[in-house]
Amino acid sequence: MKKLVIIPAYNEEKTILNVVKDITDNAPDYDYVVINDGSRDGTKKVCEENGIHFLDLASNLGIGGAVQTGYKYAWLEGYDIAVQIDADGQHKAEHLKDLEQALNINDENPEKADMVIGSRFIDKKGFQSTGLRRFGIRYMTWLIRLLTKQTITDPSSGMRMGNRKIIKTFAEHYSWEFPEPETNAYVLKRGIKVTEVPVEMRERQGGTSSLAHPLKALFYMIKITEGIIMETLGGRKE
């Protein structure tokens, strides 16, 4: 069983070493790959100096492009499981076993899911995000439920695990602007089974959210509405 952690990283020199250490300490049966998304800080240098396995993108593709690079790598290298986690230290590697228990691996148990999302809002433990982001998350949950008739409590969660079917799907088709909620809608609309398991998240350990400003958050909500609708109708053109 080949298992891979995909870690998209843009300017994460302060956190990337601890994120990788968390994986090697608490999920040692997983390989990992850092996707250095054209970072302008010392992320690449930290990876090189500490023997961290990474792929170096020549320019900044954005979160969607970086994560899809990881899924393409997972597909080409024959991984059975791929899970993405953020490079800012929010996600705990100890929860990977919980996601894996709910995953349908190699079509062995159709009662389980093809994709498993780590949700901070099931048990409501740990950092619950800011009030502004929680409002946006509730809106996305409502919109996805309206369009797909299914509920995802944490549609923006960057902690998602998929089997070989999901790896192939995301290697071929992946939203680049707002990937998590859009691709959640994309796979749900196509009948792919998705479930959530409770996880506890930390507050980000470094850097600043790109949605910290209210005007950026408003722009995000307008664009994400368009994106989710497009993905449920047929998917954005690549």
Protein backbone atom coordinates (compact mmCIF):
# COMPACT_ATOMS: atom_id res chain seq x y z
CA MET A 1 0.00 0.00 0.00
CA LYS A 2 1.60 3.24 -1.19
CA LYS A 3 0.44 6.36 0.66
CA LEU A 4 1.43 9.96 -0.07
CA VAL A 5 1.00 13.28 1.73
CA ILE A 6 0.85 16.26 -0.64
CA ILE A 7 1.98 19.54 0.97
CA PRO A 8 1.51 22.66 -1.21
CA ALA A 9 3.80 25.39 0.09
CA TYR A 10 4.11 29.07 -0.78
CA ASN A 11 6.37 31.13 1.48
CA GLU A 12 6.23 28.68 4.38
CA GLU A 13 9.86 28.77 5.55
CA LYS A 14 8.80 29.18 9.19
CA THR A 15 6.48 26.17 9.31
CA ILE A 16 7.45 23.60 6.68
CA LEU A 17 10.08 21.81 8.78
CA ASN A 18 7.63 21.24 11.65
CA VAL A 19 4.91 20.08 9.24
CA VAL A 20 7.21 17.45 7.73
CA LYS A 21 8.44 16.39 11.20
CA ASP A 22 4.83 15.92 12.31
CA ILE A 23 4.29 13.53 9.40
CA THR A 24 7.47 11.53 9.91
CA ASP A 25 6.79 11.28 13.67
CA ASN A 26 3.05 10.56 13.63
CA ALA A 27 2.38 9.00 10.21
CA PRO A 28 5.65 7.24 9.33
CA ASP A 29 3.95 4.84 6.90
CA TYR A 30 3.23 7.78 4.58
CA ASP A 31 5.60 9.22 2.02
CA TYR A 32 5.36 12.97 1.52
CA VAL A 33 6.16 15.55 -1.11
CA VAL A 34 6.34 19.30 -0.64
CA ILE A 35 5.23 21.25 -3.71
CA ASN A 36 7.24 24.47 -3.50
CA ASP A 37 4.96 26.81 -5.42
CA GLY A 38 7.47 29.44 -6.54
CA SER A 39 8.10 30.64 -2.98
CA ARG A 40 9.93 33.95 -2.65
CA ASP A 41 11.21 33.30 0.85
CA GLY A 42 13.52 30.57 2.11
CA THR A 43 11.14 27.62 1.73
CA LYS A 44 13.31 25.96 -0.90
CA LYS A 45 16.47 26.54 1.15
CA VAL A 46 14.88 24.98 4.25
CA CYS A 47 13.89 21.93 2.19
CA GLU A 48 17.36 21.57 0.70
CA GLU A 49 19.22 22.01 3.99
CA ASN A 50 17.04 19.50 5.83
CA GLY A 51 16.78 16.80 3.18
CA ILE A 52 13.05 17.38 2.66
CA HIS A 53 11.60 15.74 -0.44
CA PHE A 54 10.16 18.50 -2.63
CA LEU A 55 9.18 19.42 -6.15
CA ASP A 56 10.17 22.94 -7.16
CA LEU A 57 7.76 24.79 -9.44
CA ALA A 58 9.42 27.39 -11.64
CA SER A 59 6.71 29.97 -10.95
CA ASN A 60 3.78 30.46 -8.61
CA LEU A 61 0.78 28.50 -9.91
CA GLY A 62 -1.44 29.10 -6.90
CA ILE A 63 -2.90 26.57 -4.50
CA GLY A 64 -4.87 24.68 -7.14
CA GLY A 65 -1.94 24.25 -9.50
CA ALA A 66 0.37 23.21 -6.68
CA VAL A 67 -2.04 20.59 -5.32
CA GLN A 68 -2.79 19.22 -8.78
CA THR A 69 0.95 18.83 -9.32
CA GLY A 70 0.94 16.62 -6.25
CA TYR A 71 -1.95 14.52 -7.56
CA LYS A 72 -0.25 14.11 -10.94
CA TYR A 73 2.87 12.94 -9.12
CA ALA A 74 0.79 10.53 -7.02
CA TRP A 75 -0.87 9.08 -10.12
CA LEU A 76 2.35 8.65 -12.09
CA GLU A 77 4.16 7.11 -9.10
CA GLY A 78 1.36 4.58 -8.50
CA TYR A 79 0.17 5.70 -5.07
CA ASP A 80 -2.98 4.03 -3.71
CA ILE A 81 -3.81 6.88 -1.33
CA ALA A 82 -3.06 10.60 -1.50
CA VAL A 83 -3.89 13.13 1.17
CA GLN A 84 -3.32 16.86 1.05
CA ILE A 85 -2.50 18.93 4.12
CA ASP A 86 -1.64 22.59 4.49
CA ALA A 87 1.93 23.77 5.00
CA ASP A 88 1.00 26.34 7.66
CA GLY A 89 0.78 23.81 10.49
CA GLN A 90 -3.01 23.74 10.90
CA HIS A 91 -3.42 20.03 10.25
CA LYS A 92 -2.32 17.23 12.56
CA ALA A 93 -0.75 14.12 11.02
CA GLU A 94 -2.16 11.98 13.84
CA HIS A 95 -5.58 12.25 12.15
CA LEU A 96 -4.45 10.55 8.93
CA LYS A 97 -5.32 7.15 10.38
CA ASP A 98 -8.87 8.39 11.05
CA LEU A 99 -9.32 9.52 7.46
CA GLU A 100 -7.84 6.28 6.14
CA GLN A 101 -10.28 4.15 8.16
CA ALA A 102 -13.19 5.79 6.32
CA LEU A 103 -11.61 5.42 2.86
CA ASN A 104 -12.56 2.81 0.26
CA ILE A 105 -9.20 1.42 -0.82
CA ASN A 106 -8.90 -0.53 -4.08
CA ASP A 107 -12.71 -0.99 -4.23
CA GLU A 108 -12.52 -3.38 -1.28
CA ASN A 109 -15.45 -1.87 0.63
CA PRO A 110 -18.03 0.10 -1.37
CA GLU A 111 -19.69 1.17 1.90
CA LYS A 112 -16.72 3.44 2.51
CA ALA A 113 -15.95 6.68 0.66
CA ASP A 114 -13.67 7.51 -2.25
CA MET A 115 -12.78 10.85 -0.64
CA VAL A 116 -12.63 11.70 3.06
CA ILE A 117 -12.54 15.26 4.39
CA GLY A 118 -11.21 16.20 7.81
CA SER A 119 -13.83 18.49 9.36
CA ARG A 120 -13.25 20.75 12.35
CA PHE A 121 -17.00 21.34 12.73
CA ILE A 122 -18.23 17.83 13.65
CA ASP A 123 -16.84 17.59 17.18
CA LYS A 124 -16.08 21.34 17.31
CA LYS A 125 -12.70 20.85 18.95
CA GLY A 126 -9.56 22.87 18.39
CA PHE A 127 -9.33 26.08 16.40
CA GLN A 128 -12.68 26.85 14.75
CA SER A 129 -11.46 29.58 12.38
CA THR A 130 -12.43 33.26 12.50
CA GLY A 131 -16.00 34.49 12.58
CA LEU A 132 -15.76 35.86 9.04
CA ARG A 133 -14.46 32.58 7.67
CA ARG A 134 -17.07 30.56 9.55
CA PHE A 135 -19.78 32.66 7.92
CA GLY A 136 -18.26 31.97 4.51
CA ILE A 137 -17.98 28.25 5.26
CA ARG A 138 -21.65 28.06 6.28
CA TYR A 139 -22.57 29.80 3.03
CA MET A 140 -20.52 27.30 0.99
CA THR A 141 -22.11 24.40 2.86
CA TRP A 142 -25.56 25.78 2.00
CA LEU A 143 -24.68 26.36 -1.67
CA ILE A 144 -23.18 22.88 -2.15
CA ARG A 145 -26.21 21.30 -0.45
CA LEU A 146 -28.54 23.30 -2.72
CA LEU A 147 -26.75 22.13 -5.86
CA THR A 148 -25.83 18.55 -4.93
CA LYS A 149 -28.36 17.61 -2.20
CA GLN A 150 -25.45 16.57 0.03
CA THR A 151 -23.93 18.27 3.06
CA ILE A 152 -20.25 19.02 3.61
CA THR A 153 -19.77 20.71 6.99
CA ASP A 154 -16.22 21.91 6.23
CA PRO A 155 -16.07 22.52 2.46
CA SER A 156 -12.92 24.66 2.63
CA SER A 157 -10.91 22.10 4.60
CA GLY A 158 -7.50 21.54 3.08
CA MET A 159 -7.19 18.12 4.74
CA ARG A 160 -8.61 15.65 2.22
CA MET A 161 -7.73 12.05 1.45
CA GLY A 162 -8.57 10.19 -1.75
CA ASN A 163 -8.19 6.72 -3.21
CA ARG A 164 -6.86 5.85 -6.66
CA LYS A 165 -10.12 6.99 -8.28
CA ILE A 166 -9.80 10.44 -6.72
CA ILE A 167 -6.10 10.66 -7.55
CA LYS A 168 -6.89 10.07 -11.23
CA THR A 169 -9.84 12.48 -11.17
CA PHE A 170 -7.83 15.32 -9.62
CA ALA A 171 -4.76 14.66 -11.76
CA GLU A 172 -6.98 15.23 -14.81
CA HIS A 173 -9.32 17.93 -13.48
CA TYR A 174 -8.69 20.33 -10.63
CA SER A 175 -9.94 23.83 -9.90
CA TRP A 176 -7.12 26.31 -9.58
CA GLU A 177 -8.70 29.35 -7.90
CA PHE A 178 -10.71 27.95 -4.98
CA PRO A 179 -10.01 24.23 -5.25
CA GLU A 180 -11.46 22.64 -2.11
CA PRO A 181 -15.11 23.79 -2.25
CA GLU A 182 -15.20 23.68 -6.06
CA THR A 183 -13.79 20.17 -6.37
CA ASN A 184 -16.03 18.97 -3.53
CA ALA A 185 -19.01 20.09 -5.61
CA TYR A 186 -17.48 18.58 -8.75
CA VAL A 187 -17.08 15.06 -7.33
CA LEU A 188 -20.39 15.07 -5.45
CA LYS A 189 -22.29 16.01 -8.59
CA ARG A 190 -20.67 13.07 -10.38
CA GLY A 191 -21.79 10.52 -7.85
CA ILE A 192 -18.41 9.99 -6.20
CA LYS A 193 -18.88 9.07 -2.55
CA VAL A 194 -17.55 11.64 -0.08
CA THR A 195 -17.63 11.57 3.71
CA GLU A 196 -16.20 13.60 6.59
CA VAL A 197 -14.50 12.60 9.81
CA PRO A 198 -13.90 14.84 12.83
CA VAL A 199 -10.43 16.32 13.24
CA GLU A 200 -8.90 18.89 15.51
CA MET A 201 -7.03 21.73 13.83
CA ARG A 202 -4.55 24.26 15.11
CA GLU A 203 -4.50 27.96 14.38
CA ARG A 204 -2.12 28.60 11.50
CA GLN A 205 1.46 28.49 12.81
CA GLY A 206 2.84 31.13 10.48
CA GLY A 207 2.00 33.52 7.67
CA THR A 208 -1.22 35.44 7.05
CA SER A 209 -4.43 34.28 5.44
CA SER A 210 -5.05 35.72 1.98
CA LEU A 211 -8.66 36.33 3.07
CA ALA A 212 -7.90 38.36 6.17
CA HIS A 213 -9.27 41.58 4.64
CA PRO A 214 -13.10 41.86 4.46
CA LEU A 215 -13.03 43.14 0.86
CA LYS A 216 -10.96 40.15 -0.24
CA ALA A 217 -13.38 37.88 1.59
CA LEU A 218 -16.32 39.45 -0.26
CA PHE A 219 -14.56 39.00 -3.60
CA TYR A 220 -13.84 35.39 -2.61
CA MET A 221 -17.51 34.68 -1.92
CA ILE A 222 -18.59 36.09 -5.28
CA LYS A 223 -15.99 34.08 -7.14
CA ILE A 224 -16.60 30.90 -5.17
CA THR A 225 -20.31 31.08 -5.93
CA GLU A 226 -19.51 31.22 -9.63
CA GLY A 227 -16.96 28.43 -9.30
CA ILE A 228 -19.19 26.00 -7.41
CA ILE A 229 -22.04 26.55 -9.88
CA MET A 230 -19.69 26.00 -12.83
CA GLU A 231 -18.30 22.79 -11.33
CA THR A 232 -21.74 21.32 -10.71
CA LEU A 233 -22.84 22.18 -14.25
CA GLY A 234 -19.93 20.47 -15.93
CA GLY A 235 -16.61 21.72 -14.68
CA ARG A 236 -14.45 24.65 -15.72
CA LYS A 237 -12.56 24.27 -18.97
CA GLU A 238 -8.90 23.53 -18.36
